[in-house]
Amino acid sequence: RLSCAASGRTFSAYTMGWFRQAPGKER
């Protein structure tokens, strides 16, 4: 289970995504 903690302003107003990148490959 991966978690992403946000700080700053208005988290609820953002679309969120997860990406991954392996060595030598595109994100």
PDB file of all heavy atoms in Angstrom:
ATOM      1  N   ARG A   1       0.836  -1.175   0.000  1.00  0.00           N
ATOM      2  CA  ARG A   1       0.000   0.000   0.000  1.00  0.00           C
ATOM      3  C   ARG A   1       0.878   1.234   0.000  1.00  0.00           C
ATOM      4  O   ARG A   1       1.640   1.461   0.946  1.00  0.00           O
ATOM      5  CB  ARG A   1      -0.930   0.037   1.219  1.00  0.00           C
ATOM      6  CG  ARG A   1      -1.975   1.149   1.134  1.00  0.00           C
ATOM      7  CD  ARG A   1      -2.792   1.289   2.403  1.00  0.00           C
ATOM      8  NE  ARG A   1      -2.109   2.109   3.392  1.00  0.00           N
ATOM      9  CZ  ARG A   1      -2.653   2.539   4.522  1.00  0.00           C
ATOM     10  NH1 ARG A   1      -3.890   2.190   4.824  1.00  0.00           N
ATOM     11  NH2 ARG A   1      -1.961   3.289   5.358  1.00  0.00           N
ATOM     12  N   LEU A   2       0.775   2.019  -1.051  1.00  0.00           N
ATOM     13  CA  LEU A   2       1.494   3.272  -1.141  1.00  0.00           C
ATOM     14  C   LEU A   2       0.605   4.413  -0.667  1.00  0.00           C
ATOM     15  O   LEU A   2      -0.594   4.427  -0.937  1.00  0.00           O
ATOM     16  CB  LEU A   2       1.942   3.544  -2.574  1.00  0.00           C
ATOM     17  CG  LEU A   2       2.797   2.474  -3.257  1.00  0.00           C
ATOM     18  CD1 LEU A   2       3.244   2.971  -4.623  1.00  0.00           C
ATOM     19  CD2 LEU A   2       3.988   2.091  -2.394  1.00  0.00           C
ATOM     20  N   SER A   3       1.209   5.358   0.027  1.00  0.00           N
ATOM     21  CA  SER A   3       0.496   6.531   0.501  1.00  0.00           C
ATOM     22  C   SER A   3       1.156   7.780  -0.042  1.00  0.00           C
ATOM     23  O   SER A   3       2.374   7.831  -0.221  1.00  0.00           O
ATOM     24  CB  SER A   3       0.484   6.589   2.033  1.00  0.00           C
ATOM     25  OG  SER A   3      -0.188   5.489   2.594  1.00  0.00           O
ATOM     26  N   CYS A   4       0.354   8.781  -0.285  1.00  0.00           N
ATOM     27  CA  CYS A   4       0.846  10.083  -0.700  1.00  0.00           C
ATOM     28  C   CYS A   4       0.213  11.125   0.201  1.00  0.00           C
ATOM     29  O   CYS A   4      -1.008  11.308   0.176  1.00  0.00           O
ATOM     30  CB  CYS A   4       0.510  10.352  -2.166  1.00  0.00           C
ATOM     31  SG  CYS A   4       1.043  11.968  -2.763  1.00  0.00           S
ATOM     32  N   ALA A   5       1.033  11.781   0.997  1.00  0.00           N
ATOM     33  CA  ALA A   5       0.564  12.807   1.912  1.00  0.00           C
ATOM     34  C   ALA A   5       0.752  14.177   1.279  1.00  0.00           C
ATOM     35  O   ALA A   5       1.842  14.500   0.809  1.00  0.00           O
ATOM     36  CB  ALA A   5       1.311  12.725   3.236  1.00  0.00           C
ATOM     37  N   ALA A   6      -0.300  14.957   1.272  1.00  0.00           N
ATOM     38  CA  ALA A   6      -0.278  16.277   0.662  1.00  0.00           C
ATOM     39  C   ALA A   6      -0.294  17.357   1.722  1.00  0.00           C
ATOM     40  O   ALA A   6      -0.957  17.232   2.751  1.00  0.00           O
ATOM     41  CB  ALA A   6      -1.469  16.454  -0.277  1.00  0.00           C
ATOM     42  N   SER A   7       0.428  18.408   1.459  1.00  0.00           N
ATOM     43  CA  SER A   7       0.392  19.596   2.295  1.00  0.00           C
ATOM     44  C   SER A   7       0.330  20.821   1.397  1.00  0.00           C
ATOM     45  O   SER A   7       0.622  20.746   0.206  1.00  0.00           O
ATOM     46  CB  SER A   7       1.600  19.660   3.224  1.00  0.00           C
ATOM     47  OG  SER A   7       2.808  19.747   2.486  1.00  0.00           O
ATOM     48  N   GLY A   8      -0.053  21.918   1.979  1.00  0.00           N
ATOM     49  CA  GLY A   8      -0.192  23.134   1.201  1.00  0.00           C
ATOM     50  C   GLY A   8      -1.626  23.623   1.242  1.00  0.00           C
ATOM     51  O   GLY A   8      -2.169  23.849   2.320  1.00  0.00           O
ATOM     52  N   ARG A   9      -2.238  23.738   0.074  1.00  0.00           N
ATOM     53  CA  ARG A   9      -3.568  24.314  -0.009  1.00  0.00           C
ATOM     54  C   ARG A   9      -4.509  23.466  -0.847  1.00  0.00           C
ATOM     55  O   ARG A   9      -4.095  22.890  -1.854  1.00  0.00           O
ATOM     56  CB  ARG A   9      -3.494  25.720  -0.614  1.00  0.00           C
ATOM     57  CG  ARG A   9      -2.672  26.706   0.206  1.00  0.00           C
ATOM     58  CD  ARG A   9      -2.514  28.022  -0.535  1.00  0.00           C
ATOM     59  NE  ARG A   9      -3.786  28.694  -0.720  1.00  0.00           N
ATOM     60  CZ  ARG A   9      -4.340  29.534   0.150  1.00  0.00           C
ATOM     61  NH1 ARG A   9      -3.707  29.804   1.296  1.00  0.00           N
ATOM     62  NH2 ARG A   9      -5.509  30.101  -0.106  1.00  0.00           N
ATOM     63  N   THR A  10      -5.717  23.395  -0.429  1.00  0.00           N
ATOM     64  CA  THR A  10      -6.869  22.899  -1.192  1.00  0.00           C
ATOM     65  C   THR A  10      -6.595  21.587  -1.914  1.00  0.00           C
ATOM     66  O   THR A  10      -6.756  21.483  -3.131  1.00  0.00           O
ATOM     67  CB  THR A  10      -7.363  23.960  -2.189  1.00  0.00           C
ATOM     68  OG1 THR A  10      -6.317  24.311  -3.103  1.00  0.00           O
ATOM     69  CG2 THR A  10      -7.847  25.184  -1.454  1.00  0.00           C
ATOM     70  N   PHE A  11      -6.206  20.569  -1.154  1.00  0.00           N
ATOM     71  CA  PHE A  11      -5.961  19.251  -1.717  1.00  0.00           C
ATOM     72  C   PHE A  11      -7.172  18.727  -2.478  1.00  0.00           C
ATOM     73  O   PHE A  11      -7.027  18.091  -3.529  1.00  0.00           O
ATOM     74  CB  PHE A  11      -5.573  18.276  -0.607  1.00  0.00           C
ATOM     75  CG  PHE A  11      -5.503  16.842  -1.043  1.00  0.00           C
ATOM     76  CD1 PHE A  11      -4.429  16.376  -1.774  1.00  0.00           C
ATOM     77  CD2 PHE A  11      -6.518  15.949  -0.718  1.00  0.00           C
ATOM     78  CE1 PHE A  11      -4.349  15.051  -2.173  1.00  0.00           C
ATOM     79  CE2 PHE A  11      -6.457  14.624  -1.108  1.00  0.00           C
ATOM     80  CZ  PHE A  11      -5.370  14.171  -1.838  1.00  0.00           C
ATOM     81  N   SER A  12      -8.367  18.983  -1.963  1.00  0.00           N
ATOM     82  CA  SER A  12      -9.576  18.442  -2.564  1.00  0.00           C
ATOM     83  C   SER A  12      -9.843  18.988  -3.958  1.00  0.00           C
ATOM     84  O   SER A  12     -10.633  18.409  -4.705  1.00  0.00           O
ATOM     85  CB  SER A  12     -10.781  18.701  -1.664  1.00  0.00           C
ATOM     86  OG  SER A  12     -11.011  20.089  -1.497  1.00  0.00           O
ATOM     87  N   ALA A  13      -9.212  20.077  -4.328  1.00  0.00           N
ATOM     88  CA  ALA A  13      -9.425  20.685  -5.635  1.00  0.00           C
ATOM     89  C   ALA A  13      -8.538  20.089  -6.725  1.00  0.00           C
ATOM     90  O   ALA A  13      -8.634  20.515  -7.877  1.00  0.00           O
ATOM     91  CB  ALA A  13      -9.205  22.191  -5.560  1.00  0.00           C
ATOM     92  N   TYR A  14      -7.716  19.124  -6.386  1.00  0.00           N
ATOM     93  CA  TYR A  14      -6.761  18.567  -7.334  1.00  0.00           C
ATOM     94  C   TYR A  14      -7.152  17.164  -7.768  1.00  0.00           C
ATOM     95  O   TYR A  14      -7.574  16.341  -6.963  1.00  0.00           O
ATOM     96  CB  TYR A  14      -5.362  18.512  -6.723  1.00  0.00           C
ATOM     97  CG  TYR A  14      -4.733  19.865  -6.495  1.00  0.00           C
ATOM     98  CD1 TYR A  14      -5.004  20.589  -5.345  1.00  0.00           C
ATOM     99  CD2 TYR A  14      -3.875  20.409  -7.440  1.00  0.00           C
ATOM    100  CE1 TYR A  14      -4.435  21.834  -5.140  1.00  0.00           C
ATOM    101  CE2 TYR A  14      -3.300  21.650  -7.236  1.00  0.00           C
ATOM    102  CZ  TYR A  14      -3.580  22.361  -6.090  1.00  0.00           C
ATOM    103  OH  TYR A  14      -3.008  23.591  -5.886  1.00  0.00           O
ATOM    104  N   THR A  15      -6.992  16.914  -9.058  1.00  0.00           N
ATOM    105  CA  THR A  15      -6.982  15.556  -9.551  1.00  0.00           C
ATOM    106  C   THR A  15      -5.652  14.911  -9.171  1.00  0.00           C
ATOM    107  O   THR A  15      -4.601  15.538  -9.285  1.00  0.00           O
ATOM    108  CB  THR A  15      -7.161  15.532 -11.071  1.00  0.00           C
ATOM    109  OG1 THR A  15      -8.450  16.060 -11.407  1.00  0.00           O
ATOM    110  CG2 THR A  15      -7.039  14.124 -11.617  1.00  0.00           C
ATOM    111  N   MET A  16      -5.699  13.668  -8.726  1.00  0.00           N
ATOM    112  CA  MET A  16      -4.496  12.978  -8.272  1.00  0.00           C
ATOM    113  C   MET A  16      -4.217  11.766  -9.148  1.00  0.00           C
ATOM    114  O   MET A  16      -5.132  11.076  -9.603  1.00  0.00           O
ATOM    115  CB  MET A  16      -4.642  12.530  -6.824  1.00  0.00           C
ATOM    116  CG  MET A  16      -4.909  13.657  -5.836  1.00  0.00           C
ATOM    117  SD  MET A  16      -3.542  14.852  -5.750  1.00  0.00           S
ATOM    118  CE  MET A  16      -2.207  13.802  -5.163  1.00  0.00           C
ATOM    119  N   GLY A  17      -2.947  11.510  -9.351  1.00  0.00           N
ATOM    120  CA  GLY A  17      -2.542  10.361 -10.136  1.00  0.00           C
ATOM    121  C   GLY A  17      -1.316   9.682  -9.566  1.00  0.00           C
ATOM    122  O   GLY A  17      -0.558  10.281  -8.799  1.00  0.00           O
ATOM    123  N   TRP A  18      -1.159   8.431  -9.938  1.00  0.00           N
ATOM    124  CA  TRP A  18       0.052   7.673  -9.654  1.00  0.00           C
ATOM    125  C   TRP A  18       0.711   7.308 -10.973  1.00  0.00           C
ATOM    126  O   TRP A  18       0.044   6.862 -11.914  1.00  0.00           O
ATOM    127  CB  TRP A  18      -0.241   6.398  -8.869  1.00  0.00           C
ATOM    128  CG  TRP A  18      -0.558   6.616  -7.418  1.00  0.00           C
ATOM    129  CD1 TRP A  18      -1.777   6.736  -6.854  1.00  0.00           C
ATOM    130  CD2 TRP A  18       0.396   6.723  -6.358  1.00  0.00           C
ATOM    131  NE1 TRP A  18      -1.669   6.910  -5.497  1.00  0.00           N
ATOM    132  CE2 TRP A  18      -0.337   6.905  -5.165  1.00  0.00           C
ATOM    133  CE3 TRP A  18       1.789   6.673  -6.286  1.00  0.00           C
ATOM    134  CZ2 TRP A  18       0.276   7.049  -3.917  1.00  0.00           C
ATOM    135  CZ3 TRP A  18       2.394   6.818  -5.050  1.00  0.00           C
ATOM    136  CH2 TRP A  18       1.645   7.003  -3.887  1.00  0.00           C
ATOM    137  N   PHE A  19       2.012   7.495 -11.033  1.00  0.00           N
ATOM    138  CA  PHE A  19       2.823   7.120 -12.175  1.00  0.00           C
ATOM    139  C   PHE A  19       3.969   6.244 -11.698  1.00  0.00           C
ATOM    140  O   PHE A  19       4.300   6.224 -10.513  1.00  0.00           O
ATOM    141  CB  PHE A  19       3.388   8.357 -12.884  1.00  0.00           C
ATOM    142  CG  PHE A  19       2.347   9.191 -13.574  1.00  0.00           C
ATOM    143  CD1 PHE A  19       1.513  10.034 -12.858  1.00  0.00           C
ATOM    144  CD2 PHE A  19       2.207   9.141 -14.952  1.00  0.00           C
ATOM    145  CE1 PHE A  19       0.561  10.809 -13.488  1.00  0.00           C
ATOM    146  CE2 PHE A  19       1.261   9.912 -15.605  1.00  0.00           C
ATOM    147  CZ  PHE A  19       0.437  10.741 -14.868  1.00  0.00           C
ATOM    148  N   ARG A  20       4.588   5.539 -12.628  1.00  0.00           N
ATOM    149  CA  ARG A  20       5.768   4.761 -12.281  1.00  0.00           C
ATOM    150  C   ARG A  20       6.788   4.851 -13.405  1.00  0.00           C
ATOM    151  O   ARG A  20       6.452   5.078 -14.562  1.00  0.00           O
ATOM    152  CB  ARG A  20       5.416   3.297 -11.993  1.00  0.00           C
ATOM    153  CG  ARG A  20       4.905   2.512 -13.192  1.00  0.00           C
ATOM    154  CD  ARG A  20       4.421   1.140 -12.752  1.00  0.00           C
ATOM    155  NE  ARG A  20       3.972   0.328 -13.870  1.00  0.00           N
ATOM    156  CZ  ARG A  20       3.371  -0.848 -13.751  1.00  0.00           C
ATOM    157  NH1 ARG A  20       3.147  -1.360 -12.538  1.00  0.00           N
ATOM    158  NH2 ARG A  20       3.001  -1.520 -14.834  1.00  0.00           N
ATOM    159  N   GLN A  21       8.037   4.672 -13.029  1.00  0.00           N
ATOM    160  CA  GLN A  21       9.118   4.745 -13.994  1.00  0.00           C
ATOM    161  C   GLN A  21      10.210   3.750 -13.621  1.00  0.00           C
ATOM    162  O   GLN A  21      10.757   3.802 -12.522  1.00  0.00           O
ATOM    163  CB  GLN A  21       9.701   6.155 -14.057  1.00  0.00           C
ATOM    164  CG  GLN A  21      10.723   6.346 -15.157  1.00  0.00           C
ATOM    165  CD  GLN A  21      11.066   7.809 -15.373  1.00  0.00           C
ATOM    166  OE1 GLN A  21      10.882   8.638 -14.486  1.00  0.00           O
ATOM    167  NE2 GLN A  21      11.559   8.132 -16.552  1.00  0.00           N
ATOM    168  N   ALA A  22      10.501   2.858 -14.536  1.00  0.00           N
ATOM    169  CA  ALA A  22      11.587   1.905 -14.373  1.00  0.00           C
ATOM    170  C   ALA A  22      12.832   2.451 -15.064  1.00  0.00           C
ATOM    171  O   ALA A  22      12.732   3.258 -15.989  1.00  0.00           O
ATOM    172  CB  ALA A  22      11.204   0.550 -14.960  1.00  0.00           C
ATOM    173  N   PRO A  23      14.021   2.025 -14.633  1.00  0.00           N
ATOM    174  CA  PRO A  23      15.248   2.511 -15.272  1.00  0.00           C
ATOM    175  C   PRO A  23      15.238   2.288 -16.775  1.00  0.00           C
ATOM    176  O   PRO A  23      14.923   1.194 -17.250  1.00  0.00           O
ATOM    177  CB  PRO A  23      16.339   1.690 -14.587  1.00  0.00           C
ATOM    178  CG  PRO A  23      15.770   1.348 -13.258  1.00  0.00           C
ATOM    179  CD  PRO A  23      14.309   1.125 -13.509  1.00  0.00           C
ATOM    180  N   GLY A  24      15.569   3.328 -17.517  1.00  0.00           N
ATOM    181  CA  GLY A  24      15.627   3.237 -18.959  1.00  0.00           C
ATOM    182  C   GLY A  24      14.288   3.300 -19.664  1.00  0.00           C
ATOM    183  O   GLY A  24      14.245   3.169 -20.894  1.00  0.00           O
ATOM    184  N   LYS A  25      13.207   3.482 -18.925  1.00  0.00           N
ATOM    185  CA  LYS A  25      11.886   3.523 -19.519  1.00  0.00           C
ATOM    186  C   LYS A  25      11.215   4.869 -19.259  1.00  0.00           C
ATOM    187  O   LYS A  25      11.617   5.623 -18.374  1.00  0.00           O
ATOM    188  CB  LYS A  25      11.017   2.392 -18.971  1.00  0.00           C
ATOM    189  CG  LYS A  25      11.515   1.001 -19.317  1.00  0.00           C
ATOM    190  CD  LYS A  25      10.544  -0.066 -18.836  1.00  0.00           C
ATOM    191  CE  LYS A  25      11.022  -1.456 -19.223  1.00  0.00           C
ATOM    192  NZ  LYS A  25      10.081  -2.501 -18.759  1.00  0.00           N
ATOM    193  N   GLU A  26      10.191   5.148 -20.041  1.00  0.00           N
ATOM    194  CA  GLU A  26       9.420   6.371 -19.869  1.00  0.00           C
ATOM    195  C   GLU A  26       8.524   6.273 -18.643  1.00  0.00           C
ATOM    196  O   GLU A  26       8.107   5.185 -18.240  1.00  0.00           O
ATOM    197  CB  GLU A  26       8.570   6.634 -21.112  1.00  0.00           C
ATOM    198  CG  GLU A  26       9.360   6.861 -22.391  1.00  0.00           C
ATOM    199  CD  GLU A  26      10.150   8.144 -22.352  1.00  0.00           C
ATOM    200  OE1 GLU A  26       9.629   9.154 -21.839  1.00  0.00           O
ATOM    201  OE2 GLU A  26      11.294   8.145 -22.827  1.00  0.00           O
ATOM    202  N   ARG A  27       8.238   7.422 -18.067  1.00  0.00           N
ATOM    203  CA  ARG A  27       7.283   7.474 -16.980  1.00  0.00           C
ATOM    204  C   ARG A  27       5.894   7.146 -17.527  1.00  0.00           C
ATOM    205  O   ARG A  27       5.462   7.723 -18.528  1.00  0.00           O
ATOM    206  CB  ARG A  27       7.291   8.851 -16.326  1.00  0.00           C
ATOM    207  CG  ARG A  27       6.442   8.954 -15.077  1.00  0.00           C
ATOM    208  CD  ARG A  27       6.743  10.231 -14.303  1.00  0.00           C
ATOM    209  NE  ARG A  27       8.126  10.263 -13.840  1.00  0.00           N
ATOM    210  CZ  ARG A  27       8.607  11.178 -13.013  1.00  0.00           C
ATOM    211  NH1 ARG A  27       7.809  12.138 -12.541  1.00  0.00           N
ATOM    212  NH2 ARG A  27       9.882  11.135 -12.653  1.00  0.00           N
TER     213      ARG A  27
END
